[in-house]
Amino acid sequence: MNATRYSKADVLGAAMRLLEEVGLPDFTIRKLAASLDLQPSAIYWHFESKQELLAEISNTIVAFSKTVDKLSDWRINATAEALAFRDALLAFRDGAEIVSSTLALGLGANGFLERIFAAIEVDDEKLRVAASESIQFLVLGQVWHEQQRMQANSLGVVDNLDKINSSGLNIGIQLILDGINERVTK
């Protein structure tokens, strides 16, 4: 076996490359260790579990979102944050599934929720929380659907990717934001 010492960042980078190559269903700690010419126990030196490693990958995916320049209209800012989140999820194979799983287990990937919450500038905190979570789940669901379709297309199961309508995502975001705006201006 390899005598090279890998840092936590090295292992994380190797894990992200392996995920891109094999996808989440085929990703294992054994495969990751083999890709680094290590014993699986060496991976656990840096990450206690596969879930902890996937949580760190999720945080990396969420942090990949472009920083959005703040404009005067909070709805434009919130929309830009949501679309940047979409782009970050799409930049990584199975990105939506990885981030969604991490969120479901409460292990991290909260960066987008914090940014969208900050972008929605209304005084009613309950509305801000509800809108932030709704937009997060809307984006995750849309991207998960897109990524599943892309995977099916790569396997030859479907060949009509042109029927994925991502413009519906923007409309959904606007409906949520317009609804909040209407409630706070009454």
N, C-alpha and C. Protein backbone atom coordinates (compact mmCIF):
# COMPACT_ATOMS: atom_id res chain seq x y z
N MET A 1 0.82 -1.20 0.00
CA MET A 1 0.00 0.00 0.00
C MET A 1 0.86 1.25 0.00
N ASN A 2 0.25 2.32 -0.36
CA ASN A 2 0.90 3.61 -0.51
C ASN A 2 1.35 4.16 0.85
N ALA A 3 2.53 4.70 0.91
CA ALA A 3 3.05 5.30 2.14
C ALA A 3 2.78 6.81 2.16
N THR A 4 2.18 7.35 1.13
CA THR A 4 1.90 8.77 1.06
C THR A 4 0.87 9.15 2.12
N ARG A 5 1.11 10.25 2.78
CA ARG A 5 0.15 10.77 3.76
C ARG A 5 -0.74 11.78 3.03
N TYR A 6 -2.02 11.57 3.16
CA TYR A 6 -2.98 12.47 2.53
C TYR A 6 -3.63 13.34 3.59
N SER A 7 -3.84 14.59 3.24
CA SER A 7 -4.56 15.49 4.14
C SER A 7 -6.06 15.26 3.98
N LYS A 8 -6.82 15.85 4.86
CA LYS A 8 -8.27 15.78 4.77
C LYS A 8 -8.75 16.37 3.44
N ALA A 9 -8.13 17.47 3.02
CA ALA A 9 -8.48 18.10 1.75
C ALA A 9 -8.16 17.18 0.57
N ASP A 10 -7.06 16.44 0.66
CA ASP A 10 -6.71 15.48 -0.40
C ASP A 10 -7.77 14.40 -0.52
N VAL A 11 -8.19 13.88 0.61
CA VAL A 11 -9.21 12.81 0.62
C VAL A 11 -10.53 13.35 0.09
N LEU A 12 -10.89 14.55 0.51
CA LEU A 12 -12.12 15.18 0.03
C LEU A 12 -12.08 15.37 -1.49
N GLY A 13 -10.96 15.86 -2.00
CA GLY A 13 -10.81 16.05 -3.44
C GLY A 13 -10.92 14.74 -4.19
N ALA A 14 -10.27 13.70 -3.67
CA ALA A 14 -10.34 12.38 -4.31
C ALA A 14 -11.77 11.84 -4.27
N ALA A 15 -12.46 12.08 -3.18
CA ALA A 15 -13.86 11.62 -3.07
C ALA A 15 -14.74 12.33 -4.09
N MET A 16 -14.53 13.61 -4.27
CA MET A 16 -15.34 14.35 -5.24
C MET A 16 -15.04 13.89 -6.67
N ARG A 17 -13.79 13.59 -6.96
CA ARG A 17 -13.45 13.07 -8.29
C ARG A 17 -14.08 11.69 -8.51
N LEU A 18 -14.03 10.85 -7.49
CA LEU A 18 -14.62 9.52 -7.61
C LEU A 18 -16.14 9.61 -7.78
N LEU A 19 -16.77 10.48 -7.03
CA LEU A 19 -18.21 10.67 -7.19
C LEU A 19 -18.56 11.10 -8.61
N GLU A 20 -17.76 11.99 -9.17
CA GLU A 20 -17.99 12.44 -10.54
C GLU A 20 -17.85 11.28 -11.52
N GLU A 21 -16.93 10.39 -11.23
CA GLU A 21 -16.67 9.25 -12.11
C GLU A 21 -17.73 8.15 -12.00
N VAL A 22 -18.10 7.77 -10.77
CA VAL A 22 -18.96 6.59 -10.59
C VAL A 22 -20.38 6.94 -10.16
N GLY A 23 -20.62 8.14 -9.65
CA GLY A 23 -21.95 8.51 -9.17
C GLY A 23 -22.19 8.03 -7.75
N LEU A 24 -23.18 8.61 -7.10
CA LEU A 24 -23.47 8.31 -5.71
C LEU A 24 -23.82 6.85 -5.46
N PRO A 25 -24.63 6.21 -6.31
CA PRO A 25 -24.99 4.81 -6.02
C PRO A 25 -23.79 3.86 -5.97
N ASP A 26 -22.74 4.15 -6.71
CA ASP A 26 -21.58 3.27 -6.75
C ASP A 26 -20.40 3.79 -5.93
N PHE A 27 -20.60 4.85 -5.20
CA PHE A 27 -19.52 5.42 -4.39
C PHE A 27 -19.41 4.67 -3.07
N THR A 28 -18.21 4.16 -2.78
CA THR A 28 -17.96 3.48 -1.51
C THR A 28 -16.63 3.94 -0.94
N ILE A 29 -16.49 3.77 0.36
CA ILE A 29 -15.22 4.09 1.01
C ILE A 29 -14.13 3.16 0.49
N ARG A 30 -14.47 1.92 0.22
CA ARG A 30 -13.47 0.98 -0.32
C ARG A 30 -12.94 1.47 -1.68
N LYS A 31 -13.85 1.92 -2.54
CA LYS A 31 -13.40 2.44 -3.84
C LYS A 31 -12.55 3.70 -3.68
N LEU A 32 -12.95 4.55 -2.74
CA LEU A 32 -12.18 5.76 -2.49
C LEU A 32 -10.78 5.40 -2.00
N ALA A 33 -10.72 4.49 -1.05
CA ALA A 33 -9.41 4.06 -0.52
C ALA A 33 -8.56 3.46 -1.64
N ALA A 34 -9.17 2.63 -2.46
CA ALA A 34 -8.43 2.00 -3.56
C ALA A 34 -7.90 3.05 -4.53
N SER A 35 -8.69 4.10 -4.77
CA SER A 35 -8.24 5.15 -5.70
C SER A 35 -7.02 5.89 -5.17
N LEU A 36 -6.84 5.87 -3.85
CA LEU A 36 -5.69 6.52 -3.23
C LEU A 36 -4.61 5.51 -2.83
N ASP A 37 -4.86 4.24 -3.16
CA ASP A 37 -3.95 3.15 -2.80
C ASP A 37 -3.76 3.09 -1.28
N LEU A 38 -4.89 3.14 -0.57
CA LEU A 38 -4.90 3.10 0.90
C LEU A 38 -5.84 2.01 1.39
N GLN A 39 -5.72 1.69 2.65
CA GLN A 39 -6.69 0.84 3.32
C GLN A 39 -7.90 1.71 3.68
N PRO A 40 -9.11 1.15 3.68
CA PRO A 40 -10.30 1.96 4.05
C PRO A 40 -10.16 2.64 5.41
N SER A 41 -9.48 1.99 6.34
CA SER A 41 -9.33 2.59 7.67
C SER A 41 -8.59 3.93 7.62
N ALA A 42 -7.75 4.12 6.61
CA ALA A 42 -7.04 5.39 6.47
C ALA A 42 -8.01 6.53 6.16
N ILE A 43 -9.09 6.24 5.45
CA ILE A 43 -10.10 7.27 5.15
C ILE A 43 -10.79 7.70 6.44
N TYR A 44 -11.04 6.71 7.32
CA TYR A 44 -11.73 7.00 8.58
C TYR A 44 -10.87 7.79 9.56
N TRP A 45 -9.60 7.95 9.25
CA TRP A 45 -8.75 8.81 10.05
C TRP A 45 -9.22 10.26 9.90
N HIS A 46 -9.69 10.61 8.70
CA HIS A 46 -10.12 11.99 8.42
C HIS A 46 -11.63 12.18 8.57
N PHE A 47 -12.40 11.15 8.26
CA PHE A 47 -13.86 11.24 8.31
C PHE A 47 -14.39 10.03 9.08
N GLU A 48 -15.17 10.26 10.10
CA GLU A 48 -15.65 9.17 10.95
C GLU A 48 -16.55 8.18 10.20
N SER A 49 -17.24 8.68 9.19
CA SER A 49 -18.18 7.83 8.47
C SER A 49 -18.34 8.33 7.04
N LYS A 50 -18.96 7.51 6.23
CA LYS A 50 -19.26 7.91 4.86
C LYS A 50 -20.20 9.12 4.87
N GLN A 51 -21.16 9.13 5.80
CA GLN A 51 -22.11 10.24 5.87
C GLN A 51 -21.40 11.55 6.20
N GLU A 52 -20.40 11.49 7.08
CA GLU A 52 -19.65 12.70 7.41
C GLU A 52 -18.87 13.20 6.18
N LEU A 53 -18.31 12.28 5.42
CA LEU A 53 -17.61 12.64 4.19
C LEU A 53 -18.58 13.26 3.19
N LEU A 54 -19.74 12.65 3.02
CA LEU A 54 -20.74 13.19 2.09
C LEU A 54 -21.24 14.56 2.56
N ALA A 55 -21.32 14.76 3.87
CA ALA A 55 -21.73 16.07 4.40
C ALA A 55 -20.69 17.13 4.03
N GLU A 56 -19.42 16.78 4.11
CA GLU A 56 -18.36 17.73 3.74
C GLU A 56 -18.42 18.02 2.24
N ILE A 57 -18.72 17.01 1.45
CA ILE A 57 -18.89 17.21 0.01
C ILE A 57 -20.09 18.13 -0.24
N SER A 58 -21.17 17.93 0.51
CA SER A 58 -22.35 18.79 0.37
C SER A 58 -22.02 20.23 0.69
N ASN A 59 -21.28 20.45 1.76
CA ASN A 59 -20.87 21.81 2.11
C ASN A 59 -20.05 22.44 0.99
N THR A 60 -19.20 21.63 0.37
CA THR A 60 -18.37 22.12 -0.74
C THR A 60 -19.25 22.49 -1.94
N ILE A 61 -20.24 21.65 -2.24
CA ILE A 61 -21.15 21.93 -3.35
C ILE A 61 -21.90 23.22 -3.11
N VAL A 62 -22.46 23.37 -1.90
CA VAL A 62 -23.23 24.58 -1.58
C VAL A 62 -22.34 25.81 -1.63
N ALA A 63 -21.11 25.69 -1.15
CA ALA A 63 -20.18 26.82 -1.17
C ALA A 63 -19.75 27.18 -2.59
N PHE A 64 -19.95 26.26 -3.52
CA PHE A 64 -19.58 26.49 -4.92
C PHE A 64 -20.48 27.54 -5.58
N SER A 65 -21.64 27.82 -4.97
CA SER A 65 -22.53 28.85 -5.52
C SER A 65 -21.80 30.16 -5.66
N LYS A 66 -22.01 30.79 -6.80
CA LYS A 66 -21.39 32.10 -7.04
C LYS A 66 -21.92 33.11 -6.03
N THR A 67 -21.06 34.02 -5.63
CA THR A 67 -21.49 35.12 -4.77
C THR A 67 -22.34 36.06 -5.60
N VAL A 68 -23.48 36.39 -5.08
CA VAL A 68 -24.43 37.23 -5.80
C VAL A 68 -24.25 38.68 -5.39
N ASP A 69 -24.10 39.56 -6.38
CA ASP A 69 -24.02 40.99 -6.09
C ASP A 69 -25.40 41.47 -5.65
N LYS A 70 -25.43 42.20 -4.56
CA LYS A 70 -26.70 42.68 -4.01
C LYS A 70 -27.19 43.90 -4.79
N LEU A 71 -28.46 43.81 -5.19
CA LEU A 71 -29.12 44.91 -5.88
C LEU A 71 -30.16 45.51 -4.94
N SER A 72 -30.84 46.54 -5.38
CA SER A 72 -31.79 47.22 -4.49
C SER A 72 -33.07 46.42 -4.26
N ASP A 73 -33.46 45.56 -5.17
CA ASP A 73 -34.69 44.79 -5.03
C ASP A 73 -34.39 43.41 -4.44
N TRP A 74 -34.89 43.15 -3.24
CA TRP A 74 -34.60 41.90 -2.57
C TRP A 74 -35.09 40.69 -3.35
N ARG A 75 -36.15 40.84 -4.13
CA ARG A 75 -36.67 39.70 -4.92
C ARG A 75 -35.67 39.30 -6.01
N ILE A 76 -35.02 40.28 -6.61
CA ILE A 76 -33.99 39.97 -7.61
C ILE A 76 -32.82 39.26 -6.94
N ASN A 77 -32.43 39.74 -5.75
CA ASN A 77 -31.33 39.10 -5.01
C ASN A 77 -31.67 37.66 -4.65
N ALA A 78 -32.87 37.44 -4.16
CA ALA A 78 -33.28 36.09 -3.77
C ALA A 78 -33.33 35.16 -4.98
N THR A 79 -33.83 35.67 -6.10
CA THR A 79 -33.86 34.87 -7.33
C THR A 79 -32.46 34.51 -7.78
N ALA A 80 -31.57 35.49 -7.73
CA ALA A 80 -30.17 35.24 -8.13
C ALA A 80 -29.52 34.20 -7.23
N GLU A 81 -29.79 34.26 -5.93
CA GLU A 81 -29.25 33.26 -5.00
C GLU A 81 -29.77 31.86 -5.36
N ALA A 82 -31.05 31.76 -5.63
CA ALA A 82 -31.66 30.47 -5.96
C ALA A 82 -31.07 29.90 -7.24
N LEU A 83 -30.89 30.74 -8.24
CA LEU A 83 -30.35 30.26 -9.51
C LEU A 83 -28.86 29.92 -9.40
N ALA A 84 -28.14 30.62 -8.54
CA ALA A 84 -26.73 30.28 -8.30
C ALA A 84 -26.64 28.92 -7.59
N PHE A 85 -27.57 28.66 -6.68
CA PHE A 85 -27.64 27.37 -6.00
C PHE A 85 -27.91 26.26 -7.00
N ARG A 86 -28.85 26.52 -7.92
CA ARG A 86 -29.15 25.54 -8.98
C ARG A 86 -27.89 25.23 -9.79
N ASP A 87 -27.18 26.27 -10.20
CA ASP A 87 -25.97 26.07 -11.00
C ASP A 87 -24.93 25.26 -10.24
N ALA A 88 -24.79 25.53 -8.94
CA ALA A 88 -23.81 24.78 -8.13
C ALA A 88 -24.20 23.31 -8.04
N LEU A 89 -25.47 23.02 -7.83
CA LEU A 89 -25.92 21.63 -7.76
C LEU A 89 -25.68 20.90 -9.08
N LEU A 90 -25.96 21.59 -10.18
CA LEU A 90 -25.78 20.98 -11.50
C LEU A 90 -24.31 20.78 -11.87
N ALA A 91 -23.43 21.51 -11.22
CA ALA A 91 -22.01 21.40 -11.53
C ALA A 91 -21.39 20.09 -11.02
N PHE A 92 -22.12 19.37 -10.17
CA PHE A 92 -21.60 18.14 -9.58
C PHE A 92 -22.57 16.99 -9.85
N ARG A 93 -22.02 15.88 -10.30
CA ARG A 93 -22.85 14.70 -10.54
C ARG A 93 -23.57 14.33 -9.24
N ASP A 94 -24.87 14.13 -9.34
CA ASP A 94 -25.72 13.78 -8.19
C ASP A 94 -25.70 14.84 -7.10
N GLY A 95 -25.38 16.09 -7.48
CA GLY A 95 -25.28 17.17 -6.50
C GLY A 95 -26.53 17.37 -5.67
N ALA A 96 -27.69 17.35 -6.31
CA ALA A 96 -28.94 17.57 -5.57
C ALA A 96 -29.21 16.43 -4.60
N GLU A 97 -28.95 15.21 -5.01
CA GLU A 97 -29.19 14.07 -4.13
C GLU A 97 -28.24 14.09 -2.93
N ILE A 98 -27.00 14.42 -3.17
CA ILE A 98 -26.01 14.47 -2.09
C ILE A 98 -26.39 15.55 -1.08
N VAL A 99 -26.71 16.74 -1.56
CA VAL A 99 -27.06 17.85 -0.67
C VAL A 99 -28.38 17.56 0.04
N SER A 100 -29.35 17.04 -0.67
CA SER A 100 -30.64 16.73 -0.06
C SER A 100 -30.50 15.71 1.06
N SER A 101 -29.70 14.69 0.83
CA SER A 101 -29.49 13.66 1.86
C SER A 101 -28.82 14.25 3.10
N THR A 102 -27.84 15.11 2.88
CA THR A 102 -27.16 15.75 4.00
C THR A 102 -28.12 16.61 4.80
N LEU A 103 -28.95 17.37 4.10
CA LEU A 103 -29.94 18.20 4.79
C LEU A 103 -30.93 17.35 5.57
N ALA A 104 -31.39 16.26 4.96
CA ALA A 104 -32.37 15.39 5.61
C ALA A 104 -31.82 14.80 6.91
N LEU A 105 -30.52 14.51 6.93
CA LEU A 105 -29.90 13.93 8.11
C LEU A 105 -29.42 14.98 9.11
N GLY A 106 -29.56 16.26 8.74
CA GLY A 106 -29.13 17.35 9.63
C GLY A 106 -27.63 17.42 9.83
N LEU A 107 -26.88 17.05 8.78
CA LEU A 107 -25.42 17.00 8.89
C LEU A 107 -24.70 18.19 8.28
N GLY A 108 -25.43 19.14 7.73
CA GLY A 108 -24.77 20.30 7.13
C GLY A 108 -25.47 20.78 5.88
N ALA A 109 -24.72 21.43 5.02
CA ALA A 109 -25.19 21.99 3.75
C ALA A 109 -26.23 23.10 3.96
N ASN A 110 -26.08 23.86 5.03
CA ASN A 110 -27.04 24.92 5.35
C ASN A 110 -26.69 26.27 4.74
N GLY A 111 -25.59 26.34 4.03
CA GLY A 111 -25.13 27.62 3.49
C GLY A 111 -26.14 28.31 2.59
N PHE A 112 -26.81 27.54 1.72
CA PHE A 112 -27.78 28.18 0.84
C PHE A 112 -28.96 28.73 1.64
N LEU A 113 -29.45 27.96 2.58
CA LEU A 113 -30.60 28.40 3.38
C LEU A 113 -30.26 29.71 4.10
N GLU A 114 -29.05 29.83 4.59
CA GLU A 114 -28.64 31.06 5.25
C GLU A 114 -28.59 32.23 4.26
N ARG A 115 -28.08 31.98 3.05
CA ARG A 115 -27.98 33.06 2.05
C ARG A 115 -29.36 33.48 1.54
N ILE A 116 -30.24 32.53 1.30
CA ILE A 116 -31.56 32.90 0.78
C ILE A 116 -32.37 33.60 1.87
N PHE A 117 -32.21 33.17 3.11
CA PHE A 117 -32.89 33.83 4.23
C PHE A 117 -32.44 35.29 4.32
N ALA A 118 -31.13 35.52 4.18
CA ALA A 118 -30.61 36.89 4.24
C ALA A 118 -31.09 37.72 3.06
N ALA A 119 -31.30 37.10 1.91
CA ALA A 119 -31.72 37.83 0.71
C ALA A 119 -33.19 38.25 0.77
N ILE A 120 -34.00 37.49 1.49
CA ILE A 120 -35.44 37.81 1.58
C ILE A 120 -35.61 38.83 2.70
N GLU A 121 -35.72 40.07 2.30
CA GLU A 121 -35.73 41.18 3.25
C GLU A 121 -37.15 41.59 3.62
N VAL A 122 -37.78 40.75 4.45
CA VAL A 122 -39.07 41.09 5.02
C VAL A 122 -38.97 40.94 6.53
N ASP A 123 -39.81 41.67 7.25
CA ASP A 123 -39.72 41.68 8.71
C ASP A 123 -40.30 40.43 9.37
N ASP A 124 -41.22 39.78 8.71
CA ASP A 124 -41.87 38.60 9.29
C ASP A 124 -40.93 37.39 9.18
N GLU A 125 -40.32 37.03 10.31
CA GLU A 125 -39.33 35.96 10.29
C GLU A 125 -39.93 34.60 9.91
N LYS A 126 -41.17 34.34 10.32
CA LYS A 126 -41.80 33.07 9.95
C LYS A 126 -41.98 32.97 8.43
N LEU A 127 -42.35 34.07 7.80
CA LEU A 127 -42.48 34.08 6.34
C LEU A 127 -41.12 33.89 5.68
N ARG A 128 -40.10 34.54 6.22
CA ARG A 128 -38.75 34.39 5.66
C ARG A 128 -38.28 32.94 5.74
N VAL A 129 -38.51 32.29 6.88
CA VAL A 129 -38.11 30.89 7.04
C VAL A 129 -38.88 30.01 6.07
N ALA A 130 -40.20 30.19 6.02
CA ALA A 130 -41.03 29.37 5.13
C ALA A 130 -40.63 29.56 3.67
N ALA A 131 -40.41 30.79 3.27
CA ALA A 131 -40.03 31.06 1.89
C ALA A 131 -38.65 30.49 1.58
N SER A 132 -37.71 30.66 2.50
CA SER A 132 -36.36 30.14 2.30
C SER A 132 -36.37 28.63 2.13
N GLU A 133 -37.07 27.95 3.01
CA GLU A 133 -37.15 26.49 2.91
C GLU A 133 -37.87 26.06 1.64
N SER A 134 -38.95 26.75 1.29
CA SER A 134 -39.69 26.39 0.07
C SER A 134 -38.84 26.54 -1.17
N ILE A 135 -38.09 27.62 -1.24
CA ILE A 135 -37.22 27.84 -2.40
C ILE A 135 -36.11 26.79 -2.43
N GLN A 136 -35.54 26.50 -1.27
CA GLN A 136 -34.49 25.47 -1.21
C GLN A 136 -35.02 24.13 -1.73
N PHE A 137 -36.19 23.72 -1.26
CA PHE A 137 -36.74 22.43 -1.69
C PHE A 137 -37.18 22.45 -3.16
N LEU A 138 -37.66 23.59 -3.61
CA LEU A 138 -38.03 23.72 -5.02
C LEU A 138 -36.80 23.54 -5.91
N VAL A 139 -35.70 24.21 -5.57
CA VAL A 139 -34.47 24.10 -6.37
C VAL A 139 -33.92 22.68 -6.29
N LEU A 140 -33.85 22.12 -5.09
CA LEU A 140 -33.34 20.75 -4.95
C LEU A 140 -34.17 19.76 -5.77
N GLY A 141 -35.48 19.88 -5.70
CA GLY A 141 -36.35 18.97 -6.44
C GLY A 141 -36.20 19.10 -7.94
N GLN A 142 -36.14 20.33 -8.42
CA GLN A 142 -35.98 20.57 -9.86
C GLN A 142 -34.66 20.00 -10.36
N VAL A 143 -33.58 20.28 -9.62
CA VAL A 143 -32.26 19.81 -10.06
C VAL A 143 -32.17 18.29 -9.94
N TRP A 144 -32.73 17.72 -8.89
CA TRP A 144 -32.72 16.27 -8.75
C TRP A 144 -33.41 15.64 -9.96
N HIS A 145 -34.53 16.20 -10.34
CA HIS A 145 -35.26 15.71 -11.52
C HIS A 145 -34.38 15.83 -12.77
N GLU A 146 -33.76 16.98 -12.95
CA GLU A 146 -32.88 17.19 -14.11
C GLU A 146 -31.73 16.19 -14.12
N GLN A 147 -31.11 15.99 -12.97
CA GLN A 147 -29.97 15.08 -12.91
C GLN A 147 -30.39 13.62 -13.14
N GLN A 148 -31.56 13.25 -12.66
CA GLN A 148 -32.07 11.90 -12.92
C GLN A 148 -32.32 11.70 -14.41
N ARG A 149 -32.88 12.71 -15.05
CA ARG A 149 -33.13 12.64 -16.49
C ARG A 149 -31.83 12.56 -17.28
N MET A 150 -30.83 13.34 -16.86
CA MET A 150 -29.53 13.31 -17.54
C MET A 150 -28.88 11.93 -17.39
N GLN A 151 -29.00 11.35 -16.20
CA GLN A 151 -28.44 10.02 -15.98
C GLN A 151 -29.17 8.99 -16.84
N ALA A 152 -30.49 9.07 -16.88
CA ALA A 152 -31.27 8.15 -17.71
C ALA A 152 -30.91 8.31 -19.18
N ASN A 153 -30.69 9.54 -19.59
CA ASN A 153 -30.29 9.80 -20.98
C ASN A 153 -28.93 9.18 -21.28
N SER A 154 -27.99 9.30 -20.34
CA SER A 154 -26.65 8.74 -20.56
C SER A 154 -26.68 7.22 -20.65
N LEU A 155 -27.70 6.61 -20.04
CA LEU A 155 -27.86 5.16 -20.10
C LEU A 155 -28.72 4.71 -21.28
N GLY A 156 -29.22 5.68 -22.05
CA GLY A 156 -30.05 5.38 -23.20
C GLY A 156 -31.50 5.07 -22.87
N VAL A 157 -31.91 5.35 -21.64
CA VAL A 157 -33.28 5.07 -21.21
C VAL A 157 -34.25 6.10 -21.78
N VAL A 158 -33.83 7.36 -21.81
CA VAL A 158 -34.64 8.43 -22.40
C VAL A 158 -33.75 9.20 -23.37
N ASP A 159 -34.38 9.85 -24.31
CA ASP A 159 -33.59 10.66 -25.24
C ASP A 159 -34.24 12.01 -25.50
N ASN A 160 -35.10 12.42 -24.60
CA ASN A 160 -35.81 13.68 -24.83
C ASN A 160 -35.53 14.68 -23.69
N LEU A 161 -34.27 14.96 -23.49
CA LEU A 161 -33.90 15.91 -22.45
C LEU A 161 -34.41 17.31 -22.73
N ASP A 162 -34.75 17.59 -23.97
CA ASP A 162 -35.26 18.91 -24.29
C ASP A 162 -36.61 19.19 -23.61
N LYS A 163 -37.24 18.15 -23.06
CA LYS A 163 -38.53 18.35 -22.39
C LYS A 163 -38.37 18.79 -20.94
N ILE A 164 -37.12 18.86 -20.43
CA ILE A 164 -36.90 19.40 -19.10
C ILE A 164 -37.09 20.91 -19.19
N ASN A 165 -38.01 21.43 -18.41
CA ASN A 165 -38.35 22.84 -18.47
C ASN A 165 -37.84 23.55 -17.23
N SER A 166 -36.61 24.03 -17.28
CA SER A 166 -36.05 24.73 -16.13
C SER A 166 -36.63 26.12 -15.97
N SER A 167 -37.33 26.64 -16.97
CA SER A 167 -37.96 27.96 -16.81
C SER A 167 -39.07 27.88 -15.76
N GLY A 168 -39.61 26.70 -15.56
CA GLY A 168 -40.61 26.52 -14.51
C GLY A 168 -40.04 26.81 -13.13
N LEU A 169 -38.76 26.56 -12.95
CA LEU A 169 -38.11 26.85 -11.67
C LEU A 169 -38.17 28.34 -11.39
N ASN A 170 -37.81 29.15 -12.36
CA ASN A 170 -37.83 30.60 -12.17
C ASN A 170 -39.25 31.08 -11.87
N ILE A 171 -40.23 30.53 -12.55
CA ILE A 171 -41.62 30.92 -12.29
C ILE A 171 -42.01 30.53 -10.87
N GLY A 172 -41.64 29.33 -10.44
CA GLY A 172 -41.95 28.89 -9.08
C GLY A 172 -41.31 29.80 -8.03
N ILE A 173 -40.08 30.16 -8.25
CA ILE A 173 -39.40 31.08 -7.32
C ILE A 173 -40.15 32.40 -7.26
N GLN A 174 -40.52 32.92 -8.43
CA GLN A 174 -41.24 34.21 -8.46
C GLN A 174 -42.59 34.11 -7.75
N LEU A 175 -43.28 32.99 -7.90
CA LEU A 175 -44.56 32.83 -7.21
C LEU A 175 -44.38 32.88 -5.70
N ILE A 176 -43.36 32.23 -5.20
CA ILE A 176 -43.10 32.25 -3.76
C ILE A 176 -42.77 33.67 -3.31
N LEU A 177 -41.87 34.33 -4.03
CA LEU A 177 -41.45 35.68 -3.64
C LEU A 177 -42.58 36.69 -3.78
N ASP A 178 -43.35 36.58 -4.85
CA ASP A 178 -44.49 37.50 -5.03
C ASP A 178 -45.54 37.29 -3.94
N GLY A 179 -45.73 36.03 -3.55
CA GLY A 179 -46.68 35.73 -2.48
C GLY A 179 -46.26 36.35 -1.16
N ILE A 180 -44.99 36.28 -0.86
CA ILE A 180 -44.48 36.90 0.37
C ILE A 180 -44.65 38.41 0.28
N ASN A 181 -44.26 38.97 -0.84
CA ASN A 181 -44.36 40.42 -1.00
C ASN A 181 -45.80 40.88 -0.83
N GLU A 182 -46.73 40.13 -1.39
CA GLU A 182 -48.14 40.51 -1.25
C GLU A 182 -48.61 40.43 0.20
N ARG A 183 -48.17 39.41 0.90
CA ARG A 183 -48.57 39.27 2.32
C ARG A 183 -48.02 40.38 3.20
N VAL A 184 -46.80 40.82 2.94
CA VAL A 184 -46.20 41.84 3.80
C VAL A 184 -46.64 43.25 3.42
N THR A 185 -47.17 43.44 2.22
CA THR A 185 -47.60 44.79 1.81
C THR A 185 -49.08 45.01 2.03
N LYS A 186 -49.79 44.02 2.56
CA LYS A 186 -51.23 44.19 2.84
C LYS A 186 -51.44 45.05 4.05
